[in-house]
Amino acid sequence: MRLLSYLTTFLLAFLLASCGGGGGSPGVGSGSVQSFMVAAPSALTLQVGLTQQYTVQGGVKPYTVFSSDPAVAVGWLVGENVLAVGTTSAGLATVTVQDSKGAKFDMAVTAGSSTTFFTTAPGALSLAPGALGSQTYKLRGGTKPYKAVSSFPRAVSVEIVGDDVIITALQVAGSPGAVQSAIVTMTDSSSPPVALTTTVSLTSIPLFVTPSALTGFVGDIFRAVVTGGTPPYRALVNIDESLLSARIVNGNQLEVVGGQVVTAAGVQVLDANNVSVSVTFTLSAAGQDVLRIQPATLSFPENATTPNITIQAYGASAVGGIQVFSSNPALLAPQTPVRNADGSGYAITLTGGNTCSAAVPGVDNTVPPDGDFTDAVGVPTVVAQPAADVLPLVNSGNRTVTITVLDAKGKSGTSTITITDANGRVGC
């Protein structure tokens, strides 16, 4: 009887040991539990409305998912081992995955714009070399920050400044070793990124000087703007005695000083390829009773980096100084006049900078808004129905700035400066 009791006790102890001990449920030993892991990046950038999925494994199930800001990004489980992350509006949020033992994984989610990434840059354009030929376009929508690269950086440079992309040609078409074109690729930071391309063809524009004929008085300092051709520029005087000096200043401005009375004296402006144009000057004896501004008229193309421009005022009263006014100081603002060292007049510097026309926003007339600009019919300034996600063009137009100079005796003189617009007021 006692033997039977011993056998019974032994069997019970064996069964309890095989079940993991008395009480509780059988399980896997702690040494065999796989580490909790999510096959996902710690930071994710995603355009609004898109989703991404990642594998979750290890740890102790069930898993839970929550977001620090569900209005921006949410996470959920697809089955037991797949994490899905989606964005609902632009902003920042943290999506966290956690197992039953408290092990967790955090993902910083950046949600971009609900508007598809687009640019005002055309699919193809031709650029002349140098800063004056560079073009600035807008980048909008998608997910910031934006990026841009050139397939031939030595031929075409590209720079992102805020939400603008600036494209500049560095070589002249046909020059030794020059390529014919380069592709500029612009992308946003969504996952995967949206890519837009523009094919840039290298070209050259004719060498041009404005104004090409000037009339003034002996001792006056003349300035004219040089565009096109291939910088750097240089100046040669045809008749040495008629002009005291002729030189290029600020990279693209011809400056000459009148030396003696002459009719149609010539100055040659040459570019790096020895292409030349002629500028003529007619000089009369100085007339101090007339307040005159040189140049009286001037024009130059809009540019995001227009250099400062210097004009000259002659014939002002010897006492009292002068006052200078601009009809549009936001475009060209006059600085304090500086009297020339020889007392012949005053130099007036006009600040340049960004002289690009302001881009006019598109109008989205759909209800609810669909995020593009294709619904612009009926807007008075729209020339034609634009392509999807491209800002509508508006009627082009040059802008004119009048610089007025007054002296202490009430004499006045003006200079009319025209900033030309070549692409329909959508910026540079």
Protein backbone atom coordinates (compact mmCIF):
# COMPACT_ATOMS: atom_id res chain seq x y z
CA MET A 1 0.00 0.00 0.00
CA ARG A 2 2.82 2.32 0.91
CA LEU A 3 4.51 1.50 -2.44
CA LEU A 4 1.40 2.53 -4.32
CA SER A 5 1.37 5.87 -2.46
CA TYR A 6 5.01 6.50 -3.42
CA LEU A 7 4.31 5.75 -7.09
CA THR A 8 1.30 8.07 -7.11
CA THR A 9 3.30 10.94 -5.60
CA PHE A 10 6.11 10.43 -8.13
CA LEU A 11 3.73 10.48 -11.10
CA LEU A 12 2.03 13.68 -9.91
CA ALA A 13 5.38 15.44 -9.46
CA PHE A 14 6.48 14.38 -12.95
CA LEU A 15 3.28 15.63 -14.56
CA LEU A 16 3.50 19.01 -12.79
CA ALA A 17 7.11 19.50 -13.88
CA SER A 18 6.31 18.72 -17.52
CA CYS A 19 3.51 21.32 -17.47
CA GLY A 20 5.79 24.11 -16.25
CA GLY A 21 5.04 23.83 -12.55
CA GLY A 22 1.88 23.98 -10.56
CA GLY A 23 -0.57 26.65 -11.73
CA GLY A 24 -0.38 28.87 -14.84
CA SER A 25 -0.38 27.79 -18.44
CA PRO A 26 2.34 26.10 -20.45
CA GLY A 27 4.53 28.52 -22.43
CA VAL A 28 7.81 29.11 -24.17
CA GLY A 29 10.82 29.65 -21.97
CA SER A 30 11.96 33.28 -21.73
CA GLY A 31 15.20 32.48 -23.47
CA SER A 32 13.44 31.61 -26.76
CA VAL A 33 11.36 34.85 -27.20
CA GLN A 34 12.49 36.80 -30.31
CA SER A 35 13.32 40.50 -29.85
CA PHE A 36 10.60 42.97 -30.83
CA MET A 37 11.44 44.56 -34.18
CA VAL A 38 9.76 46.73 -36.86
CA ALA A 39 11.29 46.73 -40.34
CA ALA A 40 10.70 50.46 -40.85
CA PRO A 41 12.70 53.70 -40.79
CA SER A 42 12.67 55.83 -37.67
CA ALA A 43 11.64 58.84 -39.79
CA LEU A 44 9.22 58.82 -42.72
CA THR A 45 8.17 61.59 -45.10
CA LEU A 46 4.90 60.86 -46.85
CA GLN A 47 2.61 62.90 -49.06
CA VAL A 48 -0.89 63.43 -47.68
CA GLY A 49 -3.25 60.60 -48.63
CA LEU A 50 -0.58 57.94 -49.16
CA THR A 51 0.20 54.86 -47.04
CA GLN A 52 3.22 52.65 -46.40
CA GLN A 53 3.39 49.14 -44.89
CA TYR A 54 6.12 47.53 -42.78
CA THR A 55 6.67 44.12 -41.14
CA VAL A 56 6.43 43.72 -37.34
CA GLN A 57 7.92 40.66 -35.65
CA GLY A 58 9.13 39.33 -32.33
CA GLY A 59 8.16 40.50 -28.89
CA VAL A 60 4.94 39.36 -27.27
CA LYS A 61 1.67 39.68 -29.15
CA PRO A 62 -0.79 41.28 -29.47
CA TYR A 63 0.73 44.49 -30.81
CA THR A 64 -0.88 47.91 -30.41
CA VAL A 65 -0.46 51.05 -32.56
CA PHE A 66 -1.19 54.67 -31.67
CA SER A 67 -0.37 58.16 -33.00
CA SER A 68 0.60 61.36 -31.22
CA ASP A 69 -1.58 63.32 -33.66
CA PRO A 70 -4.18 61.25 -35.55
CA ALA A 71 -5.23 64.37 -37.46
CA VAL A 72 -1.85 64.24 -39.24
CA ALA A 73 -0.85 60.55 -39.37
CA VAL A 74 -2.37 57.26 -38.21
CA GLY A 75 -1.12 53.71 -37.88
CA TRP A 76 -2.94 50.37 -37.81
CA LEU A 77 -2.27 46.65 -38.06
CA VAL A 78 -3.00 44.66 -41.19
CA GLY A 79 -3.41 41.16 -39.82
CA GLU A 80 -1.00 40.44 -36.96
CA ASN A 81 2.40 41.29 -38.39
CA VAL A 82 2.00 44.23 -40.79
CA LEU A 83 2.07 47.89 -39.72
CA ALA A 84 0.33 50.38 -42.02
CA VAL A 85 1.01 54.13 -41.77
CA GLY A 86 -1.10 56.73 -43.53
CA THR A 87 -1.21 60.55 -43.60
CA THR A 88 -4.36 62.66 -43.45
CA SER A 89 -3.11 66.27 -43.40
CA ALA A 90 0.16 68.19 -43.53
CA GLY A 91 2.16 68.26 -40.31
CA LEU A 92 4.28 66.17 -37.94
CA ALA A 93 3.27 63.16 -35.83
CA THR A 94 4.84 60.15 -34.12
CA VAL A 95 3.39 56.68 -34.80
CA THR A 96 4.25 54.14 -32.07
CA VAL A 97 4.07 50.32 -32.25
CA GLN A 98 4.17 48.45 -28.92
CA ASP A 99 4.06 44.81 -27.88
CA SER A 100 2.29 43.39 -24.82
CA LYS A 101 5.43 43.63 -22.67
CA GLY A 102 5.93 47.35 -23.34
CA ALA A 103 8.68 47.15 -25.98
CA LYS A 104 8.00 49.87 -28.53
CA PHE A 105 9.15 51.45 -31.79
CA ASP A 106 8.62 55.14 -32.63
CA MET A 107 8.40 56.49 -36.17
CA ALA A 108 8.52 60.27 -36.82
CA VAL A 109 6.12 60.95 -39.70
CA THR A 110 6.23 64.13 -41.78
CA ALA A 111 3.08 64.60 -43.85
CA GLY A 112 3.43 66.80 -46.93
CA SER A 113 0.98 68.88 -48.91
CA SER A 114 -2.24 67.48 -50.35
CA THR A 115 -1.37 69.26 -53.61
CA THR A 116 0.69 67.28 -56.09
CA PHE A 117 4.26 68.53 -56.41
CA PHE A 118 4.57 70.88 -59.39
CA THR A 119 6.79 73.61 -60.81
CA THR A 120 6.25 76.63 -63.02
CA ALA A 121 9.38 75.64 -64.99
CA PRO A 122 8.55 74.50 -68.52
CA GLY A 123 9.46 71.06 -69.78
CA ALA A 124 12.09 72.59 -72.04
CA LEU A 125 13.81 75.96 -72.20
CA SER A 126 16.81 77.66 -73.79
CA LEU A 127 19.23 79.71 -71.72
CA ALA A 128 22.03 82.08 -72.58
CA PRO A 129 25.07 81.86 -70.30
CA GLY A 130 25.62 84.00 -67.24
CA ALA A 131 23.57 85.45 -64.40
CA LEU A 132 21.58 87.72 -66.70
CA GLY A 133 20.31 84.69 -68.60
CA SER A 134 19.36 82.70 -65.50
CA GLN A 135 15.71 81.92 -64.84
CA THR A 136 13.83 81.50 -61.55
CA TYR A 137 10.77 79.25 -61.23
CA LYS A 138 8.42 78.30 -58.41
CA LEU A 139 8.17 74.92 -56.66
CA ARG A 140 4.88 74.15 -54.97
CA GLY A 141 2.92 71.30 -53.39
CA GLY A 142 4.32 67.91 -52.53
CA THR A 143 6.52 67.58 -49.46
CA LYS A 144 9.30 69.96 -48.52
CA PRO A 145 12.24 70.32 -48.61
CA TYR A 146 12.67 70.38 -52.38
CA LYS A 147 15.82 69.22 -54.18
CA ALA A 148 17.22 69.77 -57.68
CA VAL A 149 20.19 68.36 -59.60
CA SER A 150 21.67 68.94 -63.05
CA SER A 151 22.82 66.13 -65.32
CA PHE A 152 25.77 68.35 -66.40
CA PRO A 153 26.65 70.71 -63.52
CA ARG A 154 29.56 72.20 -65.46
CA ALA A 155 27.15 73.32 -68.18
CA VAL A 156 23.97 74.12 -66.25
CA SER A 157 23.83 74.94 -62.55
CA VAL A 158 20.70 74.63 -60.44
CA GLU A 159 20.04 76.08 -56.98
CA ILE A 160 17.11 75.83 -54.58
CA VAL A 161 16.37 79.03 -52.67
CA GLY A 162 13.37 78.55 -50.42
CA ASP A 163 10.56 77.47 -52.74
CA ASP A 164 12.32 78.73 -55.89
CA VAL A 165 14.62 76.93 -58.30
CA ILE A 166 17.23 79.05 -60.11
CA ILE A 167 18.62 77.61 -63.35
CA THR A 168 21.77 79.15 -64.88
CA ALA A 169 23.65 78.22 -68.04
CA LEU A 170 27.43 78.19 -67.59
CA GLN A 171 28.51 77.43 -71.16
CA VAL A 172 27.73 78.81 -74.59
CA ALA A 173 26.28 76.61 -77.30
CA GLY A 174 29.00 75.70 -79.77
CA SER A 175 31.92 76.63 -77.53
CA PRO A 176 34.74 74.04 -77.27
CA GLY A 177 33.72 71.13 -75.06
CA ALA A 178 30.22 72.47 -74.46
CA VAL A 179 27.28 70.10 -74.27
CA GLN A 180 24.10 70.82 -76.21
CA SER A 181 21.69 70.38 -73.31
CA ALA A 182 21.30 69.24 -69.72
CA ILE A 183 18.40 67.81 -67.75
CA VAL A 184 17.41 69.45 -64.47
CA THR A 185 15.56 67.06 -62.14
CA MET A 186 13.49 68.54 -59.32
CA THR A 187 12.10 66.33 -56.54
CA ASP A 188 10.18 66.73 -53.33
CA SER A 189 10.77 64.76 -50.11
CA SER A 190 7.77 62.46 -50.24
CA SER A 191 8.23 58.69 -50.08
CA PRO A 192 8.70 57.80 -52.86
CA PRO A 193 9.69 61.26 -54.15
CA VAL A 194 7.89 62.90 -57.07
CA ALA A 195 10.34 63.89 -59.83
CA LEU A 196 9.89 66.64 -62.43
CA THR A 197 12.35 67.35 -65.24
CA THR A 198 13.24 70.30 -67.44
CA THR A 199 15.50 69.99 -70.46
CA VAL A 200 17.78 73.02 -70.71
CA SER A 201 19.28 73.80 -74.12
CA LEU A 202 22.36 75.99 -74.23
CA THR A 203 22.13 78.95 -76.54
CA SER A 204 23.38 82.46 -76.96
CA ILE A 205 21.47 85.69 -77.46
CA PRO A 206 22.72 88.56 -79.62
CA LEU A 207 25.01 91.08 -78.00
CA PHE A 208 22.96 94.18 -77.28
CA VAL A 209 23.55 97.57 -75.64
CA THR A 210 20.75 99.86 -74.51
CA PRO A 211 20.55 102.71 -75.22
CA SER A 212 22.67 102.41 -78.36
CA ALA A 213 22.82 106.17 -79.08
CA LEU A 214 23.33 108.86 -76.43
CA THR A 215 23.31 112.64 -76.52
CA GLY A 216 24.75 114.82 -73.77
CA PHE A 217 27.35 117.38 -72.81
CA VAL A 218 31.10 117.39 -72.49
CA GLY A 219 32.09 116.00 -69.10
CA ASP A 220 28.93 113.94 -68.67
CA ILE A 221 29.23 110.34 -67.53
CA PHE A 222 27.09 107.99 -69.62
CA ARG A 223 25.94 104.49 -68.69
CA ALA A 224 24.37 101.82 -70.89
CA VAL A 225 23.39 98.23 -70.09
CA VAL A 226 25.03 95.34 -71.96
CA THR A 227 23.11 92.09 -72.42
CA GLY A 228 23.49 88.89 -74.43
CA GLY A 229 26.63 87.62 -76.05
CA THR A 230 29.19 85.88 -73.88
CA PRO A 231 30.60 87.68 -70.83
CA PRO A 232 33.04 89.09 -69.90
CA TYR A 233 32.61 92.27 -71.92
CA ARG A 234 35.14 94.97 -72.81
CA ALA A 235 34.98 98.41 -74.44
CA LEU A 236 37.11 100.06 -77.16
CA VAL A 237 36.98 103.77 -78.11
CA ASN A 238 36.97 104.56 -81.84
CA ILE A 239 38.06 108.23 -81.46
CA ASP A 240 40.33 108.63 -78.45
CA GLU A 241 39.96 112.42 -78.11
CA SER A 242 36.17 112.51 -78.02
CA LEU A 243 35.77 110.37 -74.91
CA LEU A 244 37.98 110.59 -71.86
CA SER A 245 37.37 106.97 -70.91
CA ALA A 246 35.25 103.96 -71.73
CA ARG A 247 35.03 100.88 -69.52
CA ILE A 248 32.76 98.09 -68.31
CA VAL A 249 31.58 98.40 -64.70
CA ASN A 250 29.46 96.07 -62.56
CA GLY A 251 30.01 93.32 -65.10
CA ASN A 252 27.42 94.49 -67.63
CA GLN A 253 27.36 98.30 -67.74
CA LEU A 254 29.23 100.44 -70.26
CA GLU A 255 30.48 103.68 -68.67
CA VAL A 256 31.95 106.48 -70.79
CA VAL A 257 33.00 110.06 -69.99
CA GLY A 258 32.55 112.77 -72.62
CA GLY A 259 35.80 114.57 -73.49
CA GLN A 260 35.02 117.09 -76.24
CA VAL A 261 32.32 118.25 -78.61
CA VAL A 262 31.71 115.53 -81.18
CA THR A 263 28.96 114.07 -83.33
CA ALA A 264 28.33 110.30 -83.43
CA ALA A 265 31.55 109.22 -81.75
CA GLY A 266 31.66 105.45 -81.50
CA VAL A 267 32.48 102.96 -78.77
CA GLN A 268 32.73 99.27 -79.55
CA VAL A 269 31.51 96.77 -76.95
CA LEU A 270 32.95 93.28 -77.42
CA ASP A 271 32.16 89.99 -75.71
CA ALA A 272 34.44 87.04 -74.97
CA ASN A 273 33.99 85.72 -78.53
CA ASN A 274 34.93 89.12 -80.06
CA VAL A 275 31.38 89.76 -81.22
CA SER A 276 30.92 93.54 -81.18
CA VAL A 277 28.22 96.20 -81.29
CA SER A 278 28.62 99.95 -81.63
CA VAL A 279 27.30 102.68 -79.34
CA THR A 280 27.33 106.29 -80.57
CA PHE A 281 27.65 109.53 -78.59
CA THR A 282 26.91 113.11 -79.57
CA LEU A 283 28.45 115.67 -77.20
CA SER A 284 27.74 119.40 -76.99
CA ALA A 285 29.30 122.17 -74.91
CA ALA A 286 28.23 121.94 -71.29
CA GLY A 287 24.95 123.68 -70.49
CA GLN A 288 24.70 124.23 -66.77
CA ASP A 289 21.22 125.77 -66.84
CA VAL A 290 19.55 122.43 -67.57
CA LEU A 291 19.26 119.62 -65.02
CA ARG A 292 19.80 116.49 -67.06
CA ILE A 293 19.96 112.81 -66.12
CA GLN A 294 22.16 110.28 -67.90
CA PRO A 295 20.95 108.00 -69.23
CA ALA A 296 17.57 109.61 -69.86
CA THR A 297 16.12 106.26 -70.90
CA LEU A 298 17.24 102.75 -70.04
CA SER A 299 15.82 99.23 -70.24
CA PHE A 300 16.92 95.85 -68.95
CA PRO A 301 15.30 92.40 -68.51
CA GLU A 302 13.83 91.32 -65.18
CA ASN A 303 16.13 89.18 -63.06
CA ALA A 304 16.23 87.74 -59.56
CA THR A 305 19.69 89.24 -59.02
CA THR A 306 19.66 92.56 -60.86
CA PRO A 307 22.86 94.48 -60.03
CA ASN A 308 22.70 98.03 -58.70
CA ILE A 309 22.42 100.69 -61.41
CA THR A 310 24.14 104.08 -61.28
CA ILE A 311 22.77 107.11 -63.12
CA GLN A 312 24.28 110.61 -63.25
CA ALA A 313 22.70 114.02 -62.65
CA TYR A 314 24.30 117.10 -64.29
CA GLY A 315 23.53 120.80 -64.27
CA ALA A 316 22.25 120.96 -60.68
CA SER A 317 22.68 124.07 -58.57
CA ALA A 318 26.10 124.30 -56.95
CA VAL A 319 24.52 124.75 -53.53
CA GLY A 320 21.70 122.96 -51.75
CA GLY A 321 22.22 119.46 -53.11
CA ILE A 322 19.58 117.41 -54.92
CA GLN A 323 16.60 115.21 -54.06
CA VAL A 324 15.83 111.94 -55.84
CA PHE A 325 12.44 110.20 -56.10
CA SER A 326 11.40 106.86 -57.60
CA SER A 327 7.92 106.13 -58.92
CA ASN A 328 8.37 102.52 -57.74
CA PRO A 329 10.94 102.25 -54.92
CA ALA A 330 10.01 98.58 -54.42
CA LEU A 331 11.66 97.89 -57.79
CA LEU A 332 14.36 100.57 -57.94
CA ALA A 333 15.11 102.54 -54.78
CA PRO A 334 17.43 105.58 -55.01
CA GLN A 335 20.23 105.87 -52.48
CA THR A 336 21.83 109.08 -51.19
CA PRO A 337 23.35 111.01 -54.14
CA VAL A 338 27.15 111.30 -54.10
CA ARG A 339 28.82 114.31 -55.68
CA ASN A 340 31.45 113.40 -58.26
CA ALA A 341 35.05 114.07 -57.25
CA ASP A 342 35.50 116.60 -60.09
CA GLY A 343 32.32 118.45 -59.11
CA SER A 344 30.70 117.74 -62.47
CA GLY A 345 27.50 116.27 -61.06
CA TYR A 346 26.04 113.59 -58.83
CA ALA A 347 26.14 109.80 -58.96
CA ILE A 348 22.81 108.21 -57.98
CA THR A 349 22.77 104.50 -57.20
CA LEU A 350 19.51 102.59 -57.68
CA THR A 351 19.32 99.34 -55.73
CA GLY A 352 18.62 96.32 -57.91
CA GLY A 353 18.00 92.89 -56.40
CA ASN A 354 14.89 90.95 -57.34
CA THR A 355 13.14 92.73 -60.21
CA CYS A 356 11.08 89.70 -61.21
CA SER A 357 7.38 90.17 -61.80
CA ALA A 358 5.18 88.67 -59.11
CA ALA A 359 3.68 85.26 -59.90
CA VAL A 360 -0.10 85.42 -59.99
CA PRO A 361 -1.72 82.49 -58.11
CA GLY A 362 -4.13 80.15 -59.84
CA VAL A 363 -7.80 79.92 -58.97
CA ASP A 364 -9.34 76.58 -58.00
CA ASN A 365 -13.09 76.82 -58.59
CA THR A 366 -14.06 73.23 -57.84
CA VAL A 367 -16.14 72.45 -54.75
CA PRO A 368 -14.56 70.97 -52.79
CA PRO A 369 -11.16 72.21 -54.06
CA ASP A 370 -9.28 69.45 -55.86
CA GLY A 371 -5.83 70.92 -55.30
CA ASP A 372 -4.95 71.88 -58.88
CA PHE A 373 -5.28 74.98 -61.02
CA THR A 374 -7.08 73.58 -64.06
CA ASP A 375 -10.37 75.26 -63.18
CA ALA A 376 -9.41 78.79 -64.14
CA VAL A 377 -12.04 79.51 -66.81
CA GLY A 378 -13.69 82.87 -66.26
CA VAL A 379 -10.76 84.55 -64.58
CA PRO A 380 -10.27 87.79 -66.58
CA THR A 381 -6.47 87.64 -66.65
CA VAL A 382 -6.20 84.05 -67.87
CA VAL A 383 -4.95 83.84 -71.45
CA ALA A 384 -5.69 80.14 -72.00
CA GLN A 385 -6.71 77.09 -70.02
CA PRO A 386 -3.48 75.98 -68.30
CA ALA A 387 -2.19 72.42 -68.05
CA ALA A 388 -2.85 70.45 -64.87
CA ASP A 389 -1.10 71.75 -61.76
CA VAL A 390 0.47 74.71 -63.57
CA LEU A 391 -0.25 78.27 -62.49
CA PRO A 392 -2.20 80.14 -65.19
CA LEU A 393 -0.35 82.72 -67.23
CA VAL A 394 -1.56 86.29 -67.18
CA ASN A 395 -1.21 89.09 -69.67
CA SER A 396 2.40 90.16 -69.94
CA GLY A 397 3.58 93.70 -69.55
CA ASN A 398 6.75 95.67 -69.00
CA ARG A 399 7.11 97.85 -65.91
CA THR A 400 8.36 101.43 -66.09
CA VAL A 401 10.06 103.31 -63.26
CA THR A 402 10.55 107.08 -63.46
CA ILE A 403 13.43 108.58 -61.50
CA THR A 404 12.91 112.30 -60.80
CA VAL A 405 15.70 114.60 -59.61
CA LEU A 406 15.13 118.08 -58.11
CA ASP A 407 17.78 120.65 -57.20
CA ALA A 408 17.63 123.53 -54.71
CA LYS A 409 16.46 126.00 -57.39
CA GLY A 410 13.52 123.87 -58.46
CA LYS A 411 15.04 122.52 -61.67
CA SER A 412 14.07 118.93 -62.43
CA GLY A 413 15.20 116.08 -64.63
CA THR A 414 13.97 112.55 -65.18
CA SER A 415 15.22 109.17 -66.27
CA THR A 416 12.77 106.56 -67.52
CA ILE A 417 13.80 102.97 -66.82
CA THR A 418 11.91 100.02 -68.30
CA ILE A 419 12.11 96.50 -66.83
CA THR A 420 11.13 94.13 -69.61
CA ASP A 421 8.99 91.05 -68.97
CA ALA A 422 9.36 88.12 -71.34
CA ASN A 423 7.33 85.31 -69.79
CA GLY A 424 3.90 86.57 -68.81
CA ARG A 425 4.40 87.76 -65.24
CA VAL A 426 5.08 84.37 -63.71
CA GLY A 427 8.35 85.46 -62.14
CA CYS A 428 11.77 85.12 -63.77
